[in-house]
Amino acid sequence: METERRYSEMTKHELNEEIAQLREKARKAEQLGMVNEFAVLQRKSIMAQAYLLDPNDFKSGEIYGIIGDPGNYFKVDYMNGVFAWGFRLQGDGKEEALPISLLQNK
C-alpha cells in the first residue's frame, strides 16, 4: 500500500505531477457525473497548487480577488503557511482561511 505524502514534503516536480493526476481524475469524475468526487479532486488540486506559490508574495492588509468567484474580494489579516486568513469584503465578516492558490491580485 502506497503511503500518501504531504504536499509540503513534495518537490515542485512532484507537485506538478500530482496536480496533473488530480485534474485527470477530476475530468473523469465529471464525465461520469460523480459530482462529489469531482469537487474533492478539485479541492485537492487547489491545495497542491498553493504549495507551488510563495506565501511571502501575499501580504497582510492587502485585498485580493478570489479565483472562481468573480467580483468578490478577500482582505488578508494574516498568513499561516499556505493559507491566508481574513474575510470576504462582500461577505458576513466572519474570518475564514483560503489557500493562496485561490487569491489573485486585483
C-alpha atoms as a PDB file:
ATOM      1  CA  MET A   1       0.000   0.000   0.000  1.00  0.00           C
ATOM      2  CA  GLU A   2       1.337   3.379  -1.024  1.00  0.00           C
ATOM      3  CA  THR A   3       1.684   5.936   1.741  1.00  0.00           C
ATOM      4  CA  GLU A   4       0.384   9.377   0.834  1.00  0.00           C
ATOM      5  CA  ARG A   5       2.908  12.165   1.242  1.00  0.00           C
ATOM      6  CA  ARG A   6       2.090  15.634   2.412  1.00  0.00           C
ATOM      7  CA  TYR A   7       2.175  18.338  -0.219  1.00  0.00           C
ATOM      8  CA  SER A   8       4.638  20.236   1.973  1.00  0.00           C
ATOM      9  CA  GLU A   9       7.099  17.332   1.580  1.00  0.00           C
ATOM     10  CA  MET A  10       6.882  17.191  -2.215  1.00  0.00           C
ATOM     11  CA  THR A  11       9.207  18.819  -4.738  1.00  0.00           C
ATOM     12  CA  LYS A  12       7.825  21.216  -7.358  1.00  0.00           C
ATOM     13  CA  HIS A  13       8.109  18.454  -9.932  1.00  0.00           C
ATOM     14  CA  GLU A  14       6.160  16.030  -7.736  1.00  0.00           C
ATOM     15  CA  LEU A  15       3.519  18.678  -7.059  1.00  0.00           C
ATOM     16  CA  ASN A  16       3.086  19.338 -10.786  1.00  0.00           C
ATOM     17  CA  GLU A  17       2.687  15.594 -11.408  1.00  0.00           C
ATOM     18  CA  GLU A  18       0.162  15.332  -8.568  1.00  0.00           C
ATOM     19  CA  ILE A  19      -1.833  18.291  -9.928  1.00  0.00           C
ATOM     20  CA  ALA A  20      -1.908  16.734 -13.416  1.00  0.00           C
ATOM     21  CA  GLN A  21      -3.131  13.412 -11.986  1.00  0.00           C
ATOM     22  CA  LEU A  22      -5.788  15.114  -9.865  1.00  0.00           C
ATOM     23  CA  ARG A  23      -7.053  17.132 -12.835  1.00  0.00           C
ATOM     24  CA  GLU A  24      -7.289  13.980 -14.964  1.00  0.00           C
ATOM     25  CA  LYS A  25      -9.180  12.125 -12.221  1.00  0.00           C
ATOM     26  CA  ALA A  26     -11.474  15.160 -11.780  1.00  0.00           C
ATOM     27  CA  ARG A  27     -12.162  15.274 -15.515  1.00  0.00           C
ATOM     28  CA  LYS A  28     -13.131  11.583 -15.487  1.00  0.00           C
ATOM     29  CA  ALA A  29     -15.292  12.008 -12.381  1.00  0.00           C
ATOM     30  CA  GLU A  30     -17.087  14.925 -14.040  1.00  0.00           C
ATOM     31  CA  GLN A  31     -17.714  12.875 -17.195  1.00  0.00           C
ATOM     32  CA  LEU A  32     -19.157  10.065 -15.070  1.00  0.00           C
ATOM     33  CA  GLY A  33     -21.409  12.500 -13.202  1.00  0.00           C
ATOM     34  CA  MET A  34     -19.658  11.923  -9.871  1.00  0.00           C
ATOM     35  CA  VAL A  35     -20.219  15.438  -8.547  1.00  0.00           C
ATOM     36  CA  ASN A  36     -18.895  14.869  -5.021  1.00  0.00           C
ATOM     37  CA  GLU A  37     -15.757  13.090  -6.232  1.00  0.00           C
ATOM     38  CA  PHE A  38     -15.167  15.892  -8.743  1.00  0.00           C
ATOM     39  CA  ALA A  39     -15.426  18.540  -6.000  1.00  0.00           C
ATOM     40  CA  VAL A  40     -12.991  16.683  -3.718  1.00  0.00           C
ATOM     41  CA  LEU A  41     -10.430  16.293  -6.504  1.00  0.00           C
ATOM     42  CA  GLN A  42     -10.770  19.978  -7.444  1.00  0.00           C
ATOM     43  CA  ARG A  43     -10.078  20.988  -3.832  1.00  0.00           C
ATOM     44  CA  LYS A  44      -7.052  18.709  -3.636  1.00  0.00           C
ATOM     45  CA  SER A  45      -5.698  20.247  -6.828  1.00  0.00           C
ATOM     46  CA  ILE A  46      -6.164  23.759  -5.430  1.00  0.00           C
ATOM     47  CA  MET A  47      -4.311  22.771  -2.252  1.00  0.00           C
ATOM     48  CA  ALA A  48      -1.421  21.260  -4.217  1.00  0.00           C
ATOM     49  CA  GLN A  49      -1.203  24.438  -6.313  1.00  0.00           C
ATOM     50  CA  ALA A  50      -0.887  26.505  -3.126  1.00  0.00           C
ATOM     51  CA  TYR A  51       2.377  24.721  -2.321  1.00  0.00           C
ATOM     52  CA  LEU A  52       3.845  25.893  -5.633  1.00  0.00           C
ATOM     53  CA  LEU A  53       3.378  29.531  -4.579  1.00  0.00           C
ATOM     54  CA  ASP A  54       5.438  31.643  -2.191  1.00  0.00           C
ATOM     55  CA  PRO A  55       3.378  32.725   0.846  1.00  0.00           C
ATOM     56  CA  ASN A  56       5.665  35.773   1.167  1.00  0.00           C
ATOM     57  CA  ASP A  57       4.078  37.145  -2.020  1.00  0.00           C
ATOM     58  CA  PHE A  58       0.811  37.652  -0.095  1.00  0.00           C
ATOM     59  CA  LYS A  59       0.674  40.476   2.435  1.00  0.00           C
ATOM     60  CA  SER A  60      -1.472  41.192   5.466  1.00  0.00           C
ATOM     61  CA  GLY A  61      -3.845  44.091   4.901  1.00  0.00           C
ATOM     62  CA  GLU A  62      -3.917  43.575   1.142  1.00  0.00           C
ATOM     63  CA  ILE A  63      -7.053  42.853  -0.853  1.00  0.00           C
ATOM     64  CA  TYR A  64      -7.097  40.086  -3.462  1.00  0.00           C
ATOM     65  CA  GLY A  65      -9.610  38.805  -5.952  1.00  0.00           C
ATOM     66  CA  ILE A  66     -10.896  35.263  -5.466  1.00  0.00           C
ATOM     67  CA  ILE A  67     -10.314  32.911  -8.397  1.00  0.00           C
ATOM     68  CA  GLY A  68     -13.590  31.286  -9.384  1.00  0.00           C
ATOM     69  CA  ASP A  69     -15.622  33.944  -7.569  1.00  0.00           C
ATOM     70  CA  PRO A  70     -15.585  37.000  -9.879  1.00  0.00           C
ATOM     71  CA  GLY A  71     -16.440  40.332  -8.319  1.00  0.00           C
ATOM     72  CA  ASN A  72     -15.675  39.145  -4.789  1.00  0.00           C
ATOM     73  CA  TYR A  73     -12.596  40.168  -2.849  1.00  0.00           C
ATOM     74  CA  PHE A  74     -10.726  38.866   0.166  1.00  0.00           C
ATOM     75  CA  LYS A  75      -8.832  41.017   2.684  1.00  0.00           C
ATOM     76  CA  VAL A  76      -5.914  39.186   4.285  1.00  0.00           C
ATOM     77  CA  ASP A  77      -5.483  39.678   8.033  1.00  0.00           C
ATOM     78  CA  TYR A  78      -2.570  37.261   8.421  1.00  0.00           C
ATOM     79  CA  MET A  79      -0.812  34.330   6.794  1.00  0.00           C
ATOM     80  CA  ASN A  80      -0.394  30.836   8.226  1.00  0.00           C
ATOM     81  CA  GLY A  81       1.612  28.635   5.881  1.00  0.00           C
ATOM     82  CA  VAL A  82      -0.153  28.468   2.519  1.00  0.00           C
ATOM     83  CA  PHE A  83      -3.398  29.807   3.971  1.00  0.00           C
ATOM     84  CA  ALA A  84      -4.475  33.436   4.017  1.00  0.00           C
ATOM     85  CA  TRP A  85      -6.765  34.230   6.948  1.00  0.00           C
ATOM     86  CA  GLY A  86      -9.172  37.129   6.652  1.00  0.00           C
ATOM     87  CA  PHE A  87     -12.637  37.893   5.380  1.00  0.00           C
ATOM     88  CA  ARG A  88     -14.593  38.440   2.186  1.00  0.00           C
ATOM     89  CA  LEU A  89     -15.401  42.105   1.605  1.00  0.00           C
ATOM     90  CA  GLN A  90     -18.962  41.359   0.466  1.00  0.00           C
ATOM     91  CA  GLY A  91     -19.391  38.549   2.992  1.00  0.00           C
ATOM     92  CA  ASP A  92     -20.762  38.363   6.502  1.00  0.00           C
ATOM     93  CA  GLY A  93     -17.481  39.478   8.094  1.00  0.00           C
ATOM     94  CA  LYS A  94     -16.651  36.061   9.528  1.00  0.00           C
ATOM     95  CA  GLU A  95     -12.998  35.097   9.489  1.00  0.00           C
ATOM     96  CA  GLU A  96     -12.052  32.292   7.127  1.00  0.00           C
ATOM     97  CA  ALA A  97      -8.964  30.819   5.533  1.00  0.00           C
ATOM     98  CA  LEU A  98      -8.347  30.454   1.807  1.00  0.00           C
ATOM     99  CA  PRO A  99      -5.475  28.624   0.138  1.00  0.00           C
ATOM    100  CA  ILE A 100      -3.233  31.218  -1.503  1.00  0.00           C
ATOM    101  CA  SER A 101      -3.793  29.496  -4.856  1.00  0.00           C
ATOM    102  CA  LEU A 102      -7.308  30.996  -4.834  1.00  0.00           C
ATOM    103  CA  LEU A 103      -6.056  34.575  -4.476  1.00  0.00           C
ATOM    104  CA  GLN A 104      -5.195  36.895  -7.341  1.00  0.00           C
ATOM    105  CA  ASN A 105      -4.043  40.499  -7.440  1.00  0.00           C
ATOM    106  CA  LYS A 106      -6.743  43.000  -8.371  1.00  0.00           C
END
